[in-house]
Structures are given as structure tokens and as C-alpha cells.
Amino acid sequence: MAFAGNSKLRIYGKLSCTSGKRMKRENRVFFRSEKEAIENGFRPCEHCMKEKYKQWIYSTKP
């Protein structure tokens, strides 16, 4: 599965995400895997990747 990200907000998600489809073209970046997105400093989308987002948010809290 391929993933898309917003270079300004540093968020990645599924290509089918409605939130992602609304982002400006000049801010779009694409990843071959979640690992690639994470390695580039992106976080999961709250809308299309709820479980991954919850894991991320809890892992960043002190």
C-alpha cells in the first residue's frame, strides 16, 4: 500500500483519505511504506489511521 503525506503538516495517511485529498498539490509527498513516512518525521493521520494515531499520541506524551 502506498501512502501520501503533507509536507507542511508532517502528516501521512492512506491515499483514499478524504482529508488527504483536500491538501494542496504543492504540499503532497508520497511514500512506499509507513516505515518510510515515519523515518522522514511524519505522524499518522487522525482520520484514516485512528489506531496508529492513538499509538503515536500516547508514545509522545511524557
PDB file of N, CA and C in Angstrom:
ATOM      1  N   MET A   1       0.845  -1.181   0.000  1.00  0.00           N
ATOM      2  CA  MET A   1       0.000   0.000   0.000  1.00  0.00           C
ATOM      3  C   MET A   1       0.891   1.245   0.000  1.00  0.00           C
ATOM      4  N   ALA A   2       0.502   2.231  -0.754  1.00  0.00           N
ATOM      5  CA  ALA A   2       1.237   3.496  -0.805  1.00  0.00           C
ATOM      6  C   ALA A   2       0.565   4.504   0.121  1.00  0.00           C
ATOM      7  N   PHE A   3       1.349   5.445   0.581  1.00  0.00           N
ATOM      8  CA  PHE A   3       0.852   6.467   1.489  1.00  0.00           C
ATOM      9  C   PHE A   3       1.198   7.848   0.948  1.00  0.00           C
ATOM     10  N   ALA A   4       0.366   8.815   1.313  1.00  0.00           N
ATOM     11  CA  ALA A   4       0.610  10.198   0.923  1.00  0.00           C
ATOM     12  C   ALA A   4       0.807  11.014   2.183  1.00  0.00           C
ATOM     13  N   GLY A   5       1.548  12.097   2.059  1.00  0.00           N
ATOM     14  CA  GLY A   5       1.782  12.948   3.209  1.00  0.00           C
ATOM     15  C   GLY A   5       1.682  14.413   2.858  1.00  0.00           C
ATOM     16  N   ASN A   6       1.542  15.226   3.891  1.00  0.00           N
ATOM     17  CA  ASN A   6       1.511  16.669   3.746  1.00  0.00           C
ATOM     18  C   ASN A   6       2.844  17.193   4.270  1.00  0.00           C
ATOM     19  N   SER A   7       3.643  17.739   3.381  1.00  0.00           N
ATOM     20  CA  SER A   7       4.998  18.171   3.749  1.00  0.00           C
ATOM     21  C   SER A   7       5.005  19.335   4.737  1.00  0.00           C
ATOM     22  N   LYS A   8       3.976  20.154   4.753  1.00  0.00           N
ATOM     23  CA  LYS A   8       3.914  21.287   5.682  1.00  0.00           C
ATOM     24  C   LYS A   8       3.509  20.828   7.087  1.00  0.00           C
ATOM     25  N   LEU A   9       2.517  19.939   7.157  1.00  0.00           N
ATOM     26  CA  LEU A   9       1.999  19.493   8.451  1.00  0.00           C
ATOM     27  C   LEU A   9       2.708  18.251   8.985  1.00  0.00           C
ATOM     28  N   ARG A  10       3.489  17.583   8.127  1.00  0.00           N
ATOM     29  CA  ARG A  10       4.235  16.372   8.501  1.00  0.00           C
ATOM     30  C   ARG A  10       3.292  15.251   8.948  1.00  0.00           C
ATOM     31  N   ILE A  11       2.197  15.063   8.190  1.00  0.00           N
ATOM     32  CA  ILE A  11       1.205  14.025   8.463  1.00  0.00           C
ATOM     33  C   ILE A  11       1.159  13.095   7.255  1.00  0.00           C
ATOM     34  N   TYR A  12       1.050  11.783   7.497  1.00  0.00           N
ATOM     35  CA  TYR A  12       0.887  10.834   6.394  1.00  0.00           C
ATOM     36  C   TYR A  12      -0.379  10.020   6.597  1.00  0.00           C
ATOM     37  N   GLY A  13      -0.937   9.523   5.511  1.00  0.00           N
ATOM     38  CA  GLY A  13      -2.142   8.707   5.591  1.00  0.00           C
ATOM     39  C   GLY A  13      -2.347   7.912   4.313  1.00  0.00           C
ATOM     40  N   LYS A  14      -3.498   7.272   4.253  1.00  0.00           N
ATOM     41  CA  LYS A  14      -3.854   6.449   3.095  1.00  0.00           C
ATOM     42  C   LYS A  14      -4.214   7.345   1.909  1.00  0.00           C
ATOM     43  N   LEU A  15      -3.971   6.833   0.718  1.00  0.00           N
ATOM     44  CA  LEU A  15      -4.296   7.617  -0.482  1.00  0.00           C
ATOM     45  C   LEU A  15      -5.789   7.867  -0.613  1.00  0.00           C
ATOM     46  N   SER A  16      -6.611   7.036   0.007  1.00  0.00           N
ATOM     47  CA  SER A  16      -8.062   7.180  -0.083  1.00  0.00           C
ATOM     48  C   SER A  16      -8.648   8.132   0.961  1.00  0.00           C
ATOM     49  N   CYS A  17      -7.835   8.686   1.823  1.00  0.00           N
ATOM     50  CA  CYS A  17      -8.309   9.556   2.906  1.00  0.00           C
ATOM     51  C   CYS A  17      -8.920  10.854   2.357  1.00  0.00           C
ATOM     52  N   THR A  18     -10.086  11.200   2.841  1.00  0.00           N
ATOM     53  CA  THR A  18     -10.736  12.428   2.376  1.00  0.00           C
ATOM     54  C   THR A  18      -9.967  13.669   2.826  1.00  0.00           C
ATOM     55  N   SER A  19      -9.362  13.609   3.993  1.00  0.00           N
ATOM     56  CA  SER A  19      -8.557  14.746   4.460  1.00  0.00           C
ATOM     57  C   SER A  19      -7.355  14.950   3.555  1.00  0.00           C
ATOM     58  N   GLY A  20      -6.721  13.852   3.193  1.00  0.00           N
ATOM     59  CA  GLY A  20      -5.556  13.926   2.316  1.00  0.00           C
ATOM     60  C   GLY A  20      -5.882  14.426   0.928  1.00  0.00           C
ATOM     61  N   LYS A  21      -7.060  14.088   0.447  1.00  0.00           N
ATOM     62  CA  LYS A  21      -7.454  14.516  -0.900  1.00  0.00           C
ATOM     63  C   LYS A  21      -7.668  16.027  -0.972  1.00  0.00           C
ATOM     64  N   ARG A  22      -7.898  16.666   0.169  1.00  0.00           N
ATOM     65  CA  ARG A  22      -8.132  18.114   0.188  1.00  0.00           C
ATOM     66  C   ARG A  22      -6.845  18.928   0.260  1.00  0.00           C
ATOM     67  N   MET A  23      -5.721  18.284   0.525  1.00  0.00           N
ATOM     68  CA  MET A  23      -4.484  19.057   0.670  1.00  0.00           C
ATOM     69  C   MET A  23      -4.023  19.627  -0.665  1.00  0.00           C
ATOM     70  N   LYS A  24      -3.290  20.713  -0.586  1.00  0.00           N
ATOM     71  CA  LYS A  24      -2.779  21.359  -1.789  1.00  0.00           C
ATOM     72  C   LYS A  24      -1.755  20.455  -2.470  1.00  0.00           C
ATOM     73  N   ARG A  25      -1.766  20.468  -3.781  1.00  0.00           N
ATOM     74  CA  ARG A  25      -0.839  19.628  -4.553  1.00  0.00           C
ATOM     75  C   ARG A  25       0.623  19.912  -4.234  1.00  0.00           C
ATOM     76  N   GLU A  26       0.952  21.174  -4.023  1.00  0.00           N
ATOM     77  CA  GLU A  26       2.355  21.514  -3.779  1.00  0.00           C
ATOM     78  C   GLU A  26       2.857  20.994  -2.433  1.00  0.00           C
ATOM     79  N   ASN A  27       1.957  20.586  -1.541  1.00  0.00           N
ATOM     80  CA  ASN A  27       2.354  20.048  -0.234  1.00  0.00           C
ATOM     81  C   ASN A  27       2.391  18.521  -0.212  1.00  0.00           C
ATOM     82  N   ARG A  28       1.992  17.862  -1.273  1.00  0.00           N
ATOM     83  CA  ARG A  28       1.911  16.399  -1.298  1.00  0.00           C
ATOM     84  C   ARG A  28       3.269  15.737  -1.494  1.00  0.00           C
ATOM     85  N   VAL A  29       3.470  14.699  -0.716  1.00  0.00           N
ATOM     86  CA  VAL A  29       4.622  13.816  -0.885  1.00  0.00           C
ATOM     87  C   VAL A  29       4.094  12.387  -0.798  1.00  0.00           C
ATOM     88  N   PHE A  30       4.803  11.446  -1.390  1.00  0.00           N
ATOM     89  CA  PHE A  30       4.354  10.065  -1.400  1.00  0.00           C
ATOM     90  C   PHE A  30       5.411   9.145  -0.807  1.00  0.00           C
ATOM     91  N   PHE A  31       4.926   8.101  -0.144  1.00  0.00           N
ATOM     92  CA  PHE A  31       5.793   7.119   0.488  1.00  0.00           C
ATOM     93  C   PHE A  31       5.384   5.724   0.055  1.00  0.00           C
ATOM     94  N   ARG A  32       6.358   4.831  -0.032  1.00  0.00           N
ATOM     95  CA  ARG A  32       6.079   3.443  -0.381  1.00  0.00           C
ATOM     96  C   ARG A  32       5.611   2.639   0.814  1.00  0.00           C
ATOM     97  N   SER A  33       5.935   3.120   2.015  1.00  0.00           N
ATOM     98  CA  SER A  33       5.563   2.374   3.225  1.00  0.00           C
ATOM     99  C   SER A  33       5.393   3.329   4.399  1.00  0.00           C
ATOM    100  N   GLU A  34       4.760   2.821   5.459  1.00  0.00           N
ATOM    101  CA  GLU A  34       4.636   3.598   6.690  1.00  0.00           C
ATOM    102  C   GLU A  34       6.012   3.841   7.286  1.00  0.00           C
ATOM    103  N   LYS A  35       6.867   2.843   7.210  1.00  0.00           N
ATOM    104  CA  LYS A  35       8.217   2.964   7.750  1.00  0.00           C
ATOM    105  C   LYS A  35       8.940   4.150   7.115  1.00  0.00           C
ATOM    106  N   GLU A  36       8.803   4.286   5.815  1.00  0.00           N
ATOM    107  CA  GLU A  36       9.447   5.401   5.110  1.00  0.00           C
ATOM    108  C   GLU A  36       8.902   6.744   5.607  1.00  0.00           C
ATOM    109  N   ALA A  37       7.585   6.837   5.795  1.00  0.00           N
ATOM    110  CA  ALA A  37       6.968   8.074   6.276  1.00  0.00           C
ATOM    111  C   ALA A  37       7.464   8.413   7.676  1.00  0.00           C
ATOM    112  N   ILE A  38       7.504   7.426   8.559  1.00  0.00           N
ATOM    113  CA  ILE A  38       7.949   7.639   9.936  1.00  0.00           C
ATOM    114  C   ILE A  38       9.416   8.039   9.970  1.00  0.00           C
ATOM    115  N   GLU A  39      10.232   7.374   9.162  1.00  0.00           N
ATOM    116  CA  GLU A  39      11.660   7.706   9.101  1.00  0.00           C
ATOM    117  C   GLU A  39      11.898   9.145   8.644  1.00  0.00           C
ATOM    118  N   ASN A  40      10.942   9.693   7.896  1.00  0.00           N
ATOM    119  CA  ASN A  40      11.053  11.067   7.416  1.00  0.00           C
ATOM    120  C   ASN A  40      10.368  12.067   8.348  1.00  0.00           C
ATOM    121  N   GLY A  41       9.973  11.613   9.533  1.00  0.00           N
ATOM    122  CA  GLY A  41       9.436  12.515  10.542  1.00  0.00           C
ATOM    123  C   GLY A  41       7.960  12.836  10.440  1.00  0.00           C
ATOM    124  N   PHE A  42       7.192  11.996   9.751  1.00  0.00           N
ATOM    125  CA  PHE A  42       5.755  12.218   9.612  1.00  0.00           C
ATOM    126  C   PHE A  42       4.997  11.420  10.666  1.00  0.00           C
ATOM    127  N   ARG A  43       3.823  11.928  11.061  1.00  0.00           N
ATOM    128  CA  ARG A  43       2.968  11.226  12.009  1.00  0.00           C
ATOM    129  C   ARG A  43       1.718  10.720  11.290  1.00  0.00           C
ATOM    130  N   PRO A  44       1.038   9.716  11.862  1.00  0.00           N
ATOM    131  CA  PRO A  44      -0.172   9.171  11.223  1.00  0.00           C
ATOM    132  C   PRO A  44      -1.335  10.168  11.220  1.00  0.00           C
ATOM    133  N   CYS A  45      -2.173  10.056  10.222  1.00  0.00           N
ATOM    134  CA  CYS A  45      -3.381  10.873  10.095  1.00  0.00           C
ATOM    135  C   CYS A  45      -4.408  10.445  11.145  1.00  0.00           C
ATOM    136  N   GLU A  46      -5.014  11.419  11.791  1.00  0.00           N
ATOM    137  CA  GLU A  46      -6.016  11.139  12.817  1.00  0.00           C
ATOM    138  C   GLU A  46      -7.312  10.586  12.222  1.00  0.00           C
ATOM    139  N   HIS A  47      -7.585  10.871  10.961  1.00  0.00           N
ATOM    140  CA  HIS A  47      -8.845  10.454  10.360  1.00  0.00           C
ATOM    141  C   HIS A  47      -8.808   9.058   9.759  1.00  0.00           C
ATOM    142  N   CYS A  48      -7.838   8.764   8.943  1.00  0.00           N
ATOM    143  CA  CYS A  48      -7.831   7.479   8.242  1.00  0.00           C
ATOM    144  C   CYS A  48      -6.979   6.410   8.926  1.00  0.00           C
ATOM    145  N   MET A  49      -6.217   6.801   9.938  1.00  0.00           N
ATOM    146  CA  MET A  49      -5.342   5.854  10.634  1.00  0.00           C
ATOM    147  C   MET A  49      -5.501   6.021  12.147  1.00  0.00           C
ATOM    148  N   LYS A  50      -6.746   5.915  12.611  1.00  0.00           N
ATOM    149  CA  LYS A  50      -7.076   6.196  14.011  1.00  0.00           C
ATOM    150  C   LYS A  50      -6.232   5.408  15.013  1.00  0.00           C
ATOM    151  N   GLU A  51      -6.084   4.112  14.807  1.00  0.00           N
ATOM    152  CA  GLU A  51      -5.325   3.286  15.752  1.00  0.00           C
ATOM    153  C   GLU A  51      -3.850   3.672  15.784  1.00  0.00           C
ATOM    154  N   LYS A  52      -3.270   3.851  14.613  1.00  0.00           N
ATOM    155  CA  LYS A  52      -1.856   4.261  14.540  1.00  0.00           C
ATOM    156  C   LYS A  52      -1.672   5.644  15.185  1.00  0.00           C
ATOM    157  N   TYR A  53      -2.642   6.529  14.975  1.00  0.00           N
ATOM    158  CA  TYR A  53      -2.580   7.864  15.563  1.00  0.00           C
ATOM    159  C   TYR A  53      -2.629   7.774  17.088  1.00  0.00           C
ATOM    160  N   LYS A  54      -3.531   6.946  17.624  1.00  0.00           N
ATOM    161  CA  LYS A  54      -3.633   6.778  19.077  1.00  0.00           C
ATOM    162  C   LYS A  54      -2.316   6.258  19.648  1.00  0.00           C
ATOM    163  N   GLN A  55      -1.721   5.281  18.977  1.00  0.00           N
ATOM    164  CA  GLN A  55      -0.433   4.750  19.427  1.00  0.00           C
ATOM    165  C   GLN A  55       0.628   5.849  19.411  1.00  0.00           C
ATOM    166  N   TRP A  56       0.629   6.655  18.352  1.00  0.00           N
ATOM    167  CA  TRP A  56       1.610   7.738  18.215  1.00  0.00           C
ATOM    168  C   TRP A  56       1.423   8.777  19.315  1.00  0.00           C
ATOM    169  N   ILE A  57       0.171   9.205  19.549  1.00  0.00           N
ATOM    170  CA  ILE A  57      -0.087  10.271  20.511  1.00  0.00           C
ATOM    171  C   ILE A  57       0.296   9.831  21.916  1.00  0.00           C
ATOM    172  N   TYR A  58       0.023   8.564  22.263  1.00  0.00           N
ATOM    173  CA  TYR A  58       0.372   8.079  23.597  1.00  0.00           C
ATOM    174  C   TYR A  58       1.881   7.874  23.754  1.00  0.00           C
ATOM    175  N   SER A  59       2.552   7.594  22.655  1.00  0.00           N
ATOM    176  CA  SER A  59       4.002   7.395  22.729  1.00  0.00           C
ATOM    177  C   SER A  59       4.752   8.717  22.852  1.00  0.00           C
ATOM    178  N   THR A  60       4.105   9.822  22.505  1.00  0.00           N
ATOM    179  CA  THR A  60       4.776  11.119  22.570  1.00  0.00           C
ATOM    180  C   THR A  60       4.497  11.869  23.872  1.00  0.00           C
ATOM    181  N   LYS A  61       3.524  11.377  24.660  1.00  0.00           N
ATOM    182  CA  LYS A  61       3.214  12.043  25.928  1.00  0.00           C
ATOM    183  C   LYS A  61       4.264  11.682  26.971  1.00  0.00           C
ATOM    184  N   PRO A  62       4.644  12.655  27.814  1.00  0.00           N
ATOM    185  CA  PRO A  62       5.650  12.390  28.858  1.00  0.00           C
ATOM    186  C   PRO A  62       5.127  11.510  29.969  1.00  0.00           C
TER     187      PRO A  62
END
